[in-house]
């Protein structure tokens, strides 16, 4: 587990901790939030609802693992209205998550699940919107929210902070194994 934590830091995460799966807070509410389509990805991304299995199935999938690497990226933005900065920070998080996936894979058992924030964001436009199969199924990371992970409450009892100060944006990811 120490090598996995080191791998995360080497990949560019801001902070990471190991969690027993029992400490991951799950809530069906997040599927309702997904259905409200606040992020604009509902029905438009292969790794977001409604394409993911039902709530009972994804929650059971999370619970079948025993450990999780819980990580975050933190980026500076101009102010709380800096949408472009937030989008750029999201791209940075995707790049860090992908790099972590590559470096951590040799340290993980064959059966693991990597979740990230709000849609995989690998493609400018998801192939789903054009009725095509996923262009990168081996790299696309399902969303934490789609798997009903309550990021705020999962973070609460860890060394990670949900909010990392003024003019910052924080994104989370999790590797379950």
N, C-alpha and C. Protein backbone atom coordinates (compact mmCIF):
# COMPACT_ATOMS: atom_id res chain seq x y z
N UNK A 1 0.81 -1.20 0.00
CA UNK A 1 0.00 0.00 0.00
C UNK A 1 0.86 1.26 0.00
N UNK A 2 2.01 1.19 0.64
CA UNK A 2 2.91 2.34 0.64
C UNK A 2 3.40 2.65 -0.78
N UNK A 3 3.67 1.60 -1.57
CA UNK A 3 4.11 1.81 -2.95
C UNK A 3 2.99 2.44 -3.77
N UNK A 4 1.76 2.06 -3.50
CA UNK A 4 0.62 2.64 -4.21
C UNK A 4 0.46 4.11 -3.87
N UNK A 5 0.60 4.45 -2.60
CA UNK A 5 0.55 5.87 -2.19
C UNK A 5 1.68 6.66 -2.85
N UNK A 6 2.85 6.11 -2.87
CA UNK A 6 3.99 6.78 -3.51
C UNK A 6 3.75 6.95 -5.00
N UNK A 7 3.17 5.94 -5.62
CA UNK A 7 2.84 6.01 -7.05
C UNK A 7 1.87 7.14 -7.33
N UNK A 8 0.90 7.32 -6.44
CA UNK A 8 -0.08 8.40 -6.60
C UNK A 8 0.60 9.76 -6.53
N UNK A 9 1.46 9.93 -5.56
CA UNK A 9 2.16 11.21 -5.43
C UNK A 9 3.08 11.46 -6.62
N UNK A 10 3.74 10.41 -7.08
CA UNK A 10 4.61 10.54 -8.26
C UNK A 10 3.80 10.88 -9.51
N UNK A 11 2.55 10.45 -9.56
CA UNK A 11 1.69 10.72 -10.72
C UNK A 11 1.17 12.15 -10.74
N UNK A 12 1.33 12.85 -9.62
CA UNK A 12 0.92 14.25 -9.59
C UNK A 12 -0.28 14.58 -8.74
N UNK A 13 -0.77 13.60 -7.94
CA UNK A 13 -1.88 13.94 -7.06
C UNK A 13 -1.39 14.89 -5.97
N UNK A 14 -2.29 15.67 -5.44
CA UNK A 14 -1.96 16.62 -4.38
C UNK A 14 -1.79 15.87 -3.05
N UNK A 15 -2.79 15.05 -2.71
CA UNK A 15 -2.75 14.22 -1.52
C UNK A 15 -3.49 12.93 -1.81
N UNK A 16 -3.12 11.88 -1.07
CA UNK A 16 -3.79 10.59 -1.19
C UNK A 16 -3.74 9.87 0.15
N UNK A 17 -4.76 9.08 0.40
CA UNK A 17 -4.83 8.26 1.61
C UNK A 17 -5.40 6.90 1.24
N UNK A 18 -5.11 5.92 2.07
CA UNK A 18 -5.72 4.60 1.93
C UNK A 18 -6.95 4.56 2.83
N UNK A 19 -8.02 3.98 2.32
CA UNK A 19 -9.25 3.86 3.10
C UNK A 19 -9.73 2.42 3.10
N UNK A 20 -10.22 1.95 4.23
CA UNK A 20 -10.97 0.69 4.17
C UNK A 20 -12.30 1.00 3.48
N UNK A 21 -12.80 0.09 2.70
CA UNK A 21 -14.02 0.34 1.93
C UNK A 21 -15.19 0.72 2.83
N UNK A 22 -15.20 0.23 4.05
CA UNK A 22 -16.30 0.58 4.97
C UNK A 22 -16.37 2.09 5.21
N UNK A 23 -15.29 2.81 5.00
CA UNK A 23 -15.27 4.25 5.23
C UNK A 23 -15.77 5.05 4.03
N UNK A 24 -16.07 4.39 2.95
CA UNK A 24 -16.61 5.08 1.77
C UNK A 24 -18.11 5.25 1.98
N UNK A 25 -18.54 6.50 1.93
CA UNK A 25 -19.96 6.81 2.12
C UNK A 25 -20.65 6.76 0.76
N UNK A 26 -21.68 5.92 0.68
CA UNK A 26 -22.45 5.79 -0.56
C UNK A 26 -23.86 6.31 -0.33
N UNK A 27 -24.43 6.92 -1.35
CA UNK A 27 -25.79 7.43 -1.25
C UNK A 27 -26.47 7.40 -2.61
N UNK A 28 -27.68 6.84 -2.62
CA UNK A 28 -28.47 6.79 -3.85
C UNK A 28 -28.78 8.19 -4.39
N UNK A 29 -28.73 9.20 -3.52
CA UNK A 29 -29.03 10.58 -3.92
C UNK A 29 -28.20 11.03 -5.12
N UNK A 30 -26.99 10.48 -5.23
CA UNK A 30 -26.11 10.96 -6.30
C UNK A 30 -26.62 10.55 -7.68
N UNK A 31 -27.36 9.46 -7.76
CA UNK A 31 -27.98 9.10 -9.04
C UNK A 31 -29.07 10.11 -9.39
N UNK A 32 -29.79 10.59 -8.37
CA UNK A 32 -30.81 11.62 -8.61
C UNK A 32 -30.15 12.91 -9.09
N UNK A 33 -29.00 13.23 -8.51
CA UNK A 33 -28.26 14.41 -8.95
C UNK A 33 -27.82 14.22 -10.40
N UNK A 34 -27.35 13.01 -10.72
CA UNK A 34 -26.96 12.73 -12.10
C UNK A 34 -28.15 12.93 -13.05
N UNK A 35 -29.31 12.44 -12.66
CA UNK A 35 -30.51 12.56 -13.50
C UNK A 35 -30.89 14.02 -13.74
N UNK A 36 -30.59 14.89 -12.78
CA UNK A 36 -30.87 16.33 -12.97
C UNK A 36 -29.91 16.97 -13.97
N UNK A 37 -28.85 16.24 -14.32
CA UNK A 37 -27.93 16.62 -15.39
C UNK A 37 -27.24 17.98 -15.17
N UNK A 38 -26.86 18.26 -13.95
CA UNK A 38 -26.18 19.51 -13.66
C UNK A 38 -24.82 19.61 -14.35
N UNK A 39 -24.18 18.47 -14.60
CA UNK A 39 -22.87 18.49 -15.25
C UNK A 39 -22.98 18.40 -16.78
N UNK A 40 -24.18 18.10 -17.27
CA UNK A 40 -24.38 18.02 -18.71
C UNK A 40 -23.96 16.71 -19.34
N UNK A 41 -23.61 15.71 -18.55
CA UNK A 41 -23.12 14.43 -19.08
C UNK A 41 -24.17 13.32 -19.07
N UNK A 42 -25.30 13.54 -18.41
CA UNK A 42 -26.30 12.48 -18.29
C UNK A 42 -26.79 12.08 -19.68
N UNK A 43 -26.64 10.79 -19.98
CA UNK A 43 -27.05 10.27 -21.27
C UNK A 43 -26.13 10.63 -22.42
N UNK A 44 -25.02 11.30 -22.12
CA UNK A 44 -24.10 11.75 -23.16
C UNK A 44 -22.69 11.20 -22.99
N UNK A 45 -22.52 10.28 -22.06
CA UNK A 45 -21.18 9.75 -21.77
C UNK A 45 -21.31 8.26 -21.47
N UNK A 46 -20.46 7.45 -22.07
CA UNK A 46 -20.52 6.00 -21.90
C UNK A 46 -20.27 5.56 -20.46
N UNK A 47 -19.56 6.34 -19.65
CA UNK A 47 -19.24 5.91 -18.29
C UNK A 47 -20.00 6.70 -17.22
N UNK A 48 -21.13 7.26 -17.62
CA UNK A 48 -22.01 7.97 -16.69
C UNK A 48 -23.42 7.40 -16.82
N UNK A 49 -24.27 7.66 -15.82
CA UNK A 49 -25.65 7.23 -15.94
C UNK A 49 -26.31 7.88 -17.16
N UNK A 50 -27.25 7.23 -17.77
CA UNK A 50 -27.88 5.98 -17.39
C UNK A 50 -27.15 4.74 -17.92
N UNK A 51 -25.97 4.92 -18.50
CA UNK A 51 -25.22 3.78 -19.06
C UNK A 51 -24.63 2.87 -18.01
N UNK A 52 -24.46 3.34 -16.79
CA UNK A 52 -23.91 2.51 -15.71
C UNK A 52 -25.00 1.57 -15.19
N UNK A 53 -24.59 0.48 -14.54
CA UNK A 53 -25.59 -0.42 -13.93
C UNK A 53 -26.43 0.33 -12.89
N UNK A 54 -27.50 -0.30 -12.44
CA UNK A 54 -28.40 0.32 -11.47
C UNK A 54 -27.68 0.57 -10.14
N UNK A 55 -28.33 1.36 -9.29
CA UNK A 55 -27.75 1.80 -8.01
C UNK A 55 -27.34 0.62 -7.13
N UNK A 56 -28.18 -0.37 -7.00
CA UNK A 56 -27.87 -1.52 -6.15
C UNK A 56 -26.61 -2.22 -6.66
N UNK A 57 -26.49 -2.37 -7.96
CA UNK A 57 -25.34 -3.05 -8.55
C UNK A 57 -24.05 -2.28 -8.35
N UNK A 58 -24.07 -0.96 -8.59
CA UNK A 58 -22.82 -0.19 -8.44
C UNK A 58 -22.40 -0.10 -6.98
N UNK A 59 -23.37 0.02 -6.08
CA UNK A 59 -23.01 0.07 -4.66
C UNK A 59 -22.42 -1.27 -4.21
N UNK A 60 -22.98 -2.37 -4.69
CA UNK A 60 -22.42 -3.69 -4.37
C UNK A 60 -21.04 -3.84 -4.98
N UNK A 61 -20.84 -3.28 -6.15
CA UNK A 61 -19.53 -3.33 -6.81
C UNK A 61 -18.48 -2.63 -5.95
N UNK A 62 -18.80 -1.46 -5.43
CA UNK A 62 -17.86 -0.74 -4.55
C UNK A 62 -17.59 -1.57 -3.30
N UNK A 63 -18.62 -2.13 -2.71
CA UNK A 63 -18.49 -2.87 -1.45
C UNK A 63 -17.76 -4.21 -1.59
N UNK A 64 -17.60 -4.71 -2.81
CA UNK A 64 -16.91 -6.00 -2.96
C UNK A 64 -15.40 -5.87 -2.75
N UNK A 65 -14.88 -4.67 -2.81
CA UNK A 65 -13.46 -4.44 -2.60
C UNK A 65 -13.19 -4.23 -1.11
N UNK A 66 -11.94 -4.33 -0.70
CA UNK A 66 -11.62 -4.12 0.72
C UNK A 66 -10.90 -2.81 0.98
N UNK A 67 -10.19 -2.28 -0.01
CA UNK A 67 -9.40 -1.05 0.17
C UNK A 67 -9.62 -0.07 -0.97
N UNK A 68 -9.30 1.18 -0.68
CA UNK A 68 -9.38 2.20 -1.72
C UNK A 68 -8.23 3.19 -1.54
N UNK A 69 -7.67 3.60 -2.65
CA UNK A 69 -6.75 4.73 -2.68
C UNK A 69 -7.62 5.94 -3.02
N UNK A 70 -7.75 6.87 -2.09
CA UNK A 70 -8.59 8.06 -2.23
C UNK A 70 -7.64 9.23 -2.49
N UNK A 71 -7.78 9.89 -3.62
CA UNK A 71 -6.82 10.93 -3.98
C UNK A 71 -7.51 12.18 -4.49
N UNK A 72 -6.74 13.26 -4.50
CA UNK A 72 -7.27 14.54 -4.96
C UNK A 72 -6.21 15.31 -5.74
N UNK A 73 -6.71 16.16 -6.64
CA UNK A 73 -5.86 17.16 -7.27
C UNK A 73 -6.42 18.52 -6.86
N UNK A 74 -5.56 19.48 -6.71
CA UNK A 74 -5.96 20.84 -6.34
C UNK A 74 -5.30 21.79 -7.33
N UNK A 75 -6.10 22.66 -7.90
CA UNK A 75 -5.59 23.64 -8.87
C UNK A 75 -5.99 25.04 -8.46
N UNK A 76 -5.14 25.99 -8.76
CA UNK A 76 -5.42 27.40 -8.49
C UNK A 76 -6.21 27.98 -9.66
N UNK A 77 -7.22 28.77 -9.33
CA UNK A 77 -8.00 29.47 -10.34
C UNK A 77 -8.02 30.95 -9.98
N UNK A 78 -8.41 31.80 -10.94
CA UNK A 78 -8.40 33.25 -10.69
C UNK A 78 -9.37 33.66 -9.59
N UNK A 79 -10.59 33.14 -9.67
CA UNK A 79 -11.62 33.42 -8.67
C UNK A 79 -12.73 32.39 -8.83
N UNK A 80 -13.77 32.50 -8.01
CA UNK A 80 -14.82 31.49 -8.02
C UNK A 80 -15.69 31.53 -9.28
N UNK A 81 -15.48 32.51 -10.16
CA UNK A 81 -16.21 32.59 -11.42
C UNK A 81 -15.35 32.17 -12.61
N UNK A 82 -14.16 31.67 -12.34
CA UNK A 82 -13.21 31.29 -13.41
C UNK A 82 -13.57 29.92 -13.98
N UNK A 83 -14.60 29.91 -14.82
CA UNK A 83 -15.07 28.65 -15.41
C UNK A 83 -13.98 28.02 -16.28
N UNK A 84 -13.28 28.83 -17.06
CA UNK A 84 -12.20 28.30 -17.91
C UNK A 84 -11.12 27.66 -17.06
N UNK A 85 -10.78 28.28 -15.93
CA UNK A 85 -9.79 27.71 -15.02
C UNK A 85 -10.26 26.40 -14.43
N UNK A 86 -11.55 26.32 -14.11
CA UNK A 86 -12.11 25.07 -13.58
C UNK A 86 -12.07 23.96 -14.62
N UNK A 87 -12.41 24.30 -15.87
CA UNK A 87 -12.36 23.31 -16.94
C UNK A 87 -10.93 22.82 -17.17
N UNK A 88 -9.99 23.75 -17.12
CA UNK A 88 -8.57 23.39 -17.29
C UNK A 88 -8.11 22.50 -16.12
N UNK A 89 -8.58 22.82 -14.92
CA UNK A 89 -8.25 21.99 -13.75
C UNK A 89 -8.83 20.59 -13.90
N UNK A 90 -10.02 20.49 -14.49
CA UNK A 90 -10.63 19.18 -14.75
C UNK A 90 -9.80 18.37 -15.72
N UNK A 91 -9.28 19.03 -16.76
CA UNK A 91 -8.41 18.34 -17.72
C UNK A 91 -7.13 17.87 -17.04
N UNK A 92 -6.60 18.70 -16.16
CA UNK A 92 -5.40 18.32 -15.40
C UNK A 92 -5.68 17.09 -14.54
N UNK A 93 -6.84 17.08 -13.90
CA UNK A 93 -7.21 15.94 -13.07
C UNK A 93 -7.29 14.66 -13.91
N UNK A 94 -7.88 14.76 -15.09
CA UNK A 94 -7.97 13.60 -15.98
C UNK A 94 -6.58 13.10 -16.34
N UNK A 95 -5.67 14.02 -16.67
CA UNK A 95 -4.31 13.63 -17.03
C UNK A 95 -3.61 12.94 -15.86
N UNK A 96 -3.78 13.49 -14.66
CA UNK A 96 -3.17 12.88 -13.47
C UNK A 96 -3.78 11.50 -13.22
N UNK A 97 -5.10 11.39 -13.34
CA UNK A 97 -5.77 10.11 -13.13
C UNK A 97 -5.29 9.06 -14.14
N UNK A 98 -5.14 9.46 -15.38
CA UNK A 98 -4.66 8.53 -16.41
C UNK A 98 -3.22 8.10 -16.13
N UNK A 99 -2.39 9.06 -15.74
CA UNK A 99 -0.99 8.73 -15.40
C UNK A 99 -0.95 7.79 -14.20
N UNK A 100 -1.77 8.07 -13.21
CA UNK A 100 -1.84 7.20 -12.03
C UNK A 100 -2.29 5.80 -12.43
N UNK A 101 -3.26 5.71 -13.31
CA UNK A 101 -3.74 4.40 -13.78
C UNK A 101 -2.57 3.60 -14.35
N UNK A 102 -1.77 4.23 -15.18
CA UNK A 102 -0.64 3.54 -15.81
C UNK A 102 0.42 3.12 -14.80
N UNK A 103 0.76 4.02 -13.88
CA UNK A 103 1.83 3.71 -12.93
C UNK A 103 1.38 2.77 -11.82
N UNK A 104 0.11 2.81 -11.47
CA UNK A 104 -0.39 1.99 -10.36
C UNK A 104 -0.77 0.58 -10.81
N UNK A 105 -1.09 0.40 -12.08
CA UNK A 105 -1.58 -0.89 -12.55
C UNK A 105 -0.68 -2.07 -12.16
N UNK A 106 0.65 -1.96 -12.29
CA UNK A 106 1.49 -3.10 -11.89
C UNK A 106 1.44 -3.40 -10.39
N UNK A 107 0.99 -2.44 -9.59
CA UNK A 107 0.93 -2.62 -8.14
C UNK A 107 -0.41 -3.16 -7.67
N UNK A 108 -1.38 -3.24 -8.58
CA UNK A 108 -2.74 -3.61 -8.22
C UNK A 108 -3.07 -5.02 -8.67
N UNK A 109 -4.03 -5.66 -7.96
CA UNK A 109 -4.52 -6.94 -8.46
C UNK A 109 -5.24 -6.71 -9.79
N UNK A 110 -5.45 -7.77 -10.53
CA UNK A 110 -6.08 -7.66 -11.85
C UNK A 110 -7.48 -7.05 -11.75
N UNK A 111 -8.20 -7.38 -10.71
CA UNK A 111 -9.56 -6.89 -10.51
C UNK A 111 -9.53 -5.64 -9.64
N UNK A 112 -9.61 -4.47 -10.26
CA UNK A 112 -9.70 -3.22 -9.51
C UNK A 112 -10.65 -2.30 -10.25
N UNK A 113 -11.07 -1.24 -9.59
CA UNK A 113 -12.00 -0.27 -10.19
C UNK A 113 -11.46 1.12 -9.92
N UNK A 114 -11.29 1.90 -10.98
CA UNK A 114 -10.80 3.28 -10.87
C UNK A 114 -11.95 4.22 -11.22
N UNK A 115 -12.32 5.07 -10.28
CA UNK A 115 -13.38 6.05 -10.47
C UNK A 115 -12.78 7.45 -10.42
N UNK A 116 -13.35 8.35 -11.19
CA UNK A 116 -12.87 9.73 -11.17
C UNK A 116 -14.07 10.67 -11.09
N UNK A 117 -13.86 11.92 -11.40
CA UNK A 117 -14.92 12.91 -11.22
C UNK A 117 -15.69 13.18 -12.50
N UNK A 118 -16.99 13.26 -12.38
CA UNK A 118 -17.92 13.71 -13.39
C UNK A 118 -17.66 13.44 -14.85
N UNK A 119 -17.70 12.23 -15.29
CA UNK A 119 -17.49 11.91 -16.70
C UNK A 119 -16.01 11.78 -17.00
N UNK A 120 -15.67 10.96 -17.96
CA UNK A 120 -14.24 10.64 -18.14
C UNK A 120 -13.43 11.79 -18.75
N UNK A 121 -14.06 12.63 -19.57
CA UNK A 121 -13.41 13.83 -20.14
C UNK A 121 -12.21 13.54 -21.03
N UNK A 122 -12.06 12.32 -21.49
CA UNK A 122 -10.93 12.01 -22.37
C UNK A 122 -11.12 12.60 -23.77
N UNK A 123 -12.33 12.53 -24.25
CA UNK A 123 -12.62 13.02 -25.60
C UNK A 123 -13.32 14.38 -25.51
N UNK A 124 -13.06 15.21 -26.49
CA UNK A 124 -13.74 16.51 -26.53
C UNK A 124 -15.26 16.31 -26.57
N UNK A 125 -15.66 15.31 -27.32
CA UNK A 125 -17.08 14.94 -27.45
C UNK A 125 -17.15 13.42 -27.35
N UNK A 126 -17.94 12.93 -26.40
CA UNK A 126 -18.06 11.48 -26.22
C UNK A 126 -18.70 10.86 -27.46
N UNK A 127 -18.18 9.73 -27.85
CA UNK A 127 -18.69 9.00 -29.01
C UNK A 127 -20.17 8.63 -28.83
N UNK A 128 -20.62 8.50 -27.59
CA UNK A 128 -22.02 8.16 -27.32
C UNK A 128 -22.95 9.17 -27.97
N UNK A 129 -22.56 10.44 -27.98
CA UNK A 129 -23.41 11.48 -28.56
C UNK A 129 -23.60 11.28 -30.06
N UNK A 130 -22.71 10.54 -30.68
CA UNK A 130 -22.81 10.26 -32.12
C UNK A 130 -23.25 8.83 -32.40
N UNK A 131 -23.68 8.12 -31.33
CA UNK A 131 -24.13 6.75 -31.49
C UNK A 131 -23.02 5.76 -31.79
N UNK A 132 -21.81 6.10 -31.40
CA UNK A 132 -20.65 5.25 -31.66
C UNK A 132 -20.14 4.63 -30.36
N UNK A 133 -19.42 3.50 -30.45
CA UNK A 133 -18.84 2.91 -29.23
C UNK A 133 -17.73 3.80 -28.66
N UNK A 134 -17.44 3.59 -27.41
CA UNK A 134 -16.38 4.34 -26.73
C UNK A 134 -15.07 4.19 -27.50
N UNK A 135 -14.38 5.31 -27.70
CA UNK A 135 -13.10 5.32 -28.43
C UNK A 135 -11.96 4.76 -27.59
N UNK A 136 -12.08 4.89 -26.27
CA UNK A 136 -10.99 4.46 -25.37
C UNK A 136 -11.55 3.70 -24.17
N UNK A 137 -12.17 2.55 -24.41
CA UNK A 137 -12.79 1.83 -23.28
C UNK A 137 -11.81 1.39 -22.20
N UNK A 138 -10.54 1.22 -22.54
CA UNK A 138 -9.56 0.82 -21.52
C UNK A 138 -9.09 1.99 -20.67
N UNK A 139 -9.38 3.21 -21.10
CA UNK A 139 -8.93 4.39 -20.35
C UNK A 139 -10.08 5.17 -19.71
N UNK A 140 -11.29 5.00 -20.23
CA UNK A 140 -12.44 5.75 -19.71
C UNK A 140 -12.70 5.39 -18.26
N UNK A 141 -12.80 6.39 -17.40
CA UNK A 141 -13.02 6.16 -15.97
C UNK A 141 -14.43 6.58 -15.59
N UNK A 142 -15.21 5.66 -15.02
CA UNK A 142 -16.55 6.02 -14.57
C UNK A 142 -16.49 7.08 -13.46
N UNK A 143 -17.61 7.76 -13.28
CA UNK A 143 -17.64 8.83 -12.28
C UNK A 143 -17.92 8.30 -10.88
N UNK A 144 -17.33 8.97 -9.91
CA UNK A 144 -17.60 8.68 -8.50
C UNK A 144 -19.10 8.82 -8.23
N UNK A 145 -19.68 9.89 -8.74
CA UNK A 145 -21.09 10.17 -8.51
C UNK A 145 -21.97 9.08 -9.11
N UNK A 146 -21.61 8.60 -10.29
CA UNK A 146 -22.37 7.54 -10.93
C UNK A 146 -22.35 6.25 -10.12
N UNK A 147 -21.29 6.06 -9.32
CA UNK A 147 -21.19 4.91 -8.44
C UNK A 147 -21.68 5.25 -7.03
N UNK A 148 -22.37 6.38 -6.90
CA UNK A 148 -23.03 6.80 -5.66
C UNK A 148 -22.08 7.16 -4.53
N UNK A 149 -20.82 7.51 -4.84
CA UNK A 149 -19.85 7.89 -3.81
C UNK A 149 -20.13 9.33 -3.36
N UNK A 150 -20.33 9.50 -2.07
CA UNK A 150 -20.52 10.81 -1.46
C UNK A 150 -19.12 11.36 -1.14
N UNK A 151 -18.61 12.18 -2.03
CA UNK A 151 -17.24 12.68 -1.92
C UNK A 151 -17.04 13.48 -0.63
N UNK A 152 -17.96 14.38 -0.32
CA UNK A 152 -17.82 15.23 0.86
C UNK A 152 -17.72 14.38 2.13
N UNK A 153 -18.66 13.48 2.33
CA UNK A 153 -18.68 12.71 3.57
C UNK A 153 -17.60 11.63 3.61
N UNK A 154 -17.15 11.15 2.46
CA UNK A 154 -16.03 10.21 2.44
C UNK A 154 -14.74 10.93 2.84
N UNK A 155 -14.63 12.17 2.45
CA UNK A 155 -13.43 12.97 2.72
C UNK A 155 -13.36 13.44 4.16
N UNK A 156 -14.50 13.66 4.77
CA UNK A 156 -14.61 14.29 6.08
C UNK A 156 -13.65 13.75 7.14
N UNK A 157 -13.50 12.46 7.25
CA UNK A 157 -12.67 11.87 8.31
C UNK A 157 -11.29 11.45 7.83
N UNK A 158 -10.78 12.13 6.80
CA UNK A 158 -9.45 11.83 6.27
C UNK A 158 -8.55 13.06 6.39
N UNK A 159 -7.31 12.92 5.96
CA UNK A 159 -6.38 14.05 5.94
C UNK A 159 -6.59 14.94 4.71
N UNK A 160 -7.48 14.54 3.81
CA UNK A 160 -7.77 15.35 2.63
C UNK A 160 -8.84 16.38 2.98
N UNK A 161 -8.78 17.50 2.32
CA UNK A 161 -9.80 18.54 2.53
C UNK A 161 -10.69 18.62 1.30
N UNK A 162 -11.97 18.82 1.54
CA UNK A 162 -12.92 18.97 0.45
C UNK A 162 -12.74 20.33 -0.23
N UNK A 163 -12.48 21.33 0.59
CA UNK A 163 -12.20 22.69 0.10
C UNK A 163 -10.78 23.03 0.51
N UNK A 164 -9.97 23.46 -0.44
CA UNK A 164 -8.55 23.70 -0.18
C UNK A 164 -8.16 25.17 -0.27
N UNK A 165 -9.06 26.04 0.09
CA UNK A 165 -8.75 27.46 0.15
C UNK A 165 -9.36 28.25 -0.98
N UNK A 166 -9.29 29.55 -0.79
CA UNK A 166 -9.83 30.49 -1.76
C UNK A 166 -9.09 30.37 -3.09
N UNK A 167 -9.82 30.52 -4.16
CA UNK A 167 -9.27 30.49 -5.52
C UNK A 167 -8.60 29.15 -5.85
N UNK A 168 -9.20 28.08 -5.36
CA UNK A 168 -8.75 26.73 -5.74
C UNK A 168 -9.96 25.91 -6.14
N UNK A 169 -9.70 24.87 -6.90
CA UNK A 169 -10.73 23.88 -7.23
C UNK A 169 -10.11 22.51 -6.97
N UNK A 170 -10.90 21.64 -6.36
CA UNK A 170 -10.41 20.32 -5.95
C UNK A 170 -11.24 19.24 -6.64
N UNK A 171 -10.53 18.25 -7.19
CA UNK A 171 -11.18 17.10 -7.80
C UNK A 171 -10.67 15.83 -7.11
N UNK A 172 -11.53 14.80 -7.10
CA UNK A 172 -11.20 13.56 -6.41
C UNK A 172 -11.23 12.36 -7.36
N UNK A 173 -10.55 11.32 -6.95
CA UNK A 173 -10.58 10.04 -7.63
C UNK A 173 -10.35 8.93 -6.63
N UNK A 174 -10.64 7.69 -7.06
CA UNK A 174 -10.53 6.56 -6.15
C UNK A 174 -10.20 5.30 -6.95
N UNK A 175 -9.24 4.57 -6.43
CA UNK A 175 -8.96 3.25 -6.98
C UNK A 175 -9.32 2.23 -5.92
N UNK A 176 -10.29 1.38 -6.25
CA UNK A 176 -10.75 0.32 -5.34
C UNK A 176 -10.06 -0.98 -5.71
N UNK A 177 -9.60 -1.71 -4.70
CA UNK A 177 -8.94 -2.99 -4.95
C UNK A 177 -9.15 -3.93 -3.78
